Amino acid sequence: ARIRPFRRQAAVGLHLTLTDQVAATGPSSLAPEGKLPGLASLALPVRRGRIDERDVHAELDAQYDRFVETLAGPPDYVDGHQHVHFLPMVRNWL
């Protein structure tokens, strides 16, 4: 919220994360204990279809909504922590 006054002076982006943080949505197939997995623990289950794309999209929606609420507007750009934006299910969301 402290950067809100600078929104007109600088581009402010959303850095999506699906790893190593508390999930914004709570427990799901993505974060069974409510904590997002490490990158190594994310890649294989994604490839094997063990993580529901709807859970990933719900997490990304929650992060986006939190950004918009906190900064009173949409991000100027979106990227991903540890390049998660390259995962097909994240690209589908984008």
Protein backbone atom coordinates (compact mmCIF):
# COMPACT_ATOMS: atom_id res chain seq x y z
CA ALA A 1 0.00 0.00 0.00
CA ARG A 2 2.96 2.34 0.56
CA ILE A 3 3.74 2.29 -3.16
CA ARG A 4 0.21 3.33 -4.16
CA PRO A 5 1.19 7.03 -4.48
CA PHE A 6 3.90 6.11 -7.01
CA ARG A 7 1.63 4.17 -9.39
CA ARG A 8 1.60 7.05 -11.89
CA GLN A 9 5.38 7.48 -11.77
CA ALA A 10 6.55 3.88 -12.10
CA ALA A 11 5.29 0.60 -13.52
CA VAL A 12 4.19 -1.72 -10.72
CA GLY A 13 3.81 -5.39 -11.52
CA LEU A 14 2.38 -8.53 -10.02
CA HIS A 15 4.98 -11.22 -9.35
CA LEU A 16 2.89 -14.42 -9.22
CA THR A 17 4.15 -17.24 -7.08
CA LEU A 18 3.19 -20.89 -6.86
CA THR A 19 6.17 -21.91 -4.72
CA ASP A 20 7.45 -21.61 -1.17
CA GLN A 21 4.79 -19.26 0.24
CA VAL A 22 1.54 -19.55 2.16
CA ALA A 23 -1.26 -20.12 -0.35
CA ALA A 24 -3.67 -17.21 -0.73
CA THR A 25 -6.49 -19.75 -1.16
CA GLY A 26 -5.64 -22.19 1.63
CA PRO A 27 -5.38 -25.98 1.22
CA SER A 28 -5.92 -27.45 -2.26
CA SER A 29 -4.32 -29.92 -4.67
CA LEU A 30 -1.69 -27.22 -5.22
CA ALA A 31 -1.04 -26.65 -1.52
CA PRO A 32 -2.37 -29.61 0.50
CA GLU A 33 -1.20 -28.15 3.82
CA GLY A 34 -1.94 -24.56 2.81
CA LYS A 35 1.69 -23.87 1.87
CA LEU A 36 2.80 -23.76 -1.75
CA PRO A 37 5.42 -26.41 -2.60
CA GLY A 38 9.03 -25.89 -3.56
CA LEU A 39 9.77 -25.71 -7.28
CA ALA A 40 11.07 -29.29 -7.43
CA SER A 41 7.90 -30.50 -5.70
CA LEU A 42 5.70 -28.53 -8.10
CA ALA A 43 7.10 -29.48 -11.52
CA LEU A 44 6.53 -33.24 -11.51
CA PRO A 45 2.96 -33.21 -10.13
CA VAL A 46 2.05 -30.55 -12.71
CA ARG A 47 3.46 -32.69 -15.54
CA ARG A 48 1.63 -35.77 -14.24
CA GLY A 49 -1.70 -33.98 -13.90
CA ARG A 50 -1.84 -34.32 -10.11
CA ILE A 51 -2.52 -30.65 -9.57
CA ASP A 52 -5.94 -29.43 -10.61
CA GLU A 53 -5.71 -26.51 -13.02
CA ARG A 54 -8.74 -24.96 -11.31
CA ASP A 55 -6.77 -24.83 -8.04
CA VAL A 56 -3.89 -23.08 -9.80
CA HIS A 57 -6.28 -20.59 -11.40
CA ALA A 58 -7.99 -19.96 -8.05
CA GLU A 59 -4.60 -19.22 -6.46
CA LEU A 60 -3.64 -16.86 -9.28
CA ASP A 61 -7.05 -15.16 -9.10
CA ALA A 62 -6.59 -14.64 -5.35
CA GLN A 63 -3.13 -13.12 -5.82
CA TYR A 64 -4.41 -10.85 -8.61
CA ASP A 65 -7.43 -9.77 -6.55
CA ARG A 66 -5.23 -9.02 -3.53
CA PHE A 67 -2.97 -6.87 -5.74
CA VAL A 68 -5.92 -4.92 -7.17
CA GLU A 69 -7.45 -4.40 -3.73
CA THR A 70 -4.17 -3.32 -2.13
CA LEU A 71 -3.00 -1.02 -4.93
CA ALA A 72 -6.41 0.19 -6.12
CA GLY A 73 -5.94 -1.00 -9.68
CA PRO A 74 -4.57 -3.69 -11.98
CA PRO A 75 -0.85 -4.37 -12.37
CA ASP A 76 1.12 -2.75 -15.16
CA TYR A 77 2.68 -6.14 -15.92
CA VAL A 78 2.61 -9.71 -14.64
CA ASP A 79 5.49 -12.15 -14.29
CA GLY A 80 6.20 -15.22 -12.22
CA HIS A 81 8.47 -16.23 -9.36
CA GLN A 82 10.87 -18.97 -10.49
CA HIS A 83 9.42 -18.59 -14.00
CA VAL A 84 6.11 -20.28 -13.08
CA HIS A 85 4.47 -18.17 -15.81
CA PHE A 86 5.96 -20.67 -18.28
CA LEU A 87 3.84 -23.54 -16.92
CA PRO A 88 1.01 -24.30 -19.38
CA MET A 89 -1.72 -23.96 -16.76
CA VAL A 90 -0.37 -20.54 -15.77
CA ARG A 91 -0.13 -19.45 -19.41
CA ASN A 92 -3.77 -20.52 -19.82
CA TRP A 93 -4.69 -18.20 -16.94
CA LEU A 94 -2.71 -15.29 -18.37
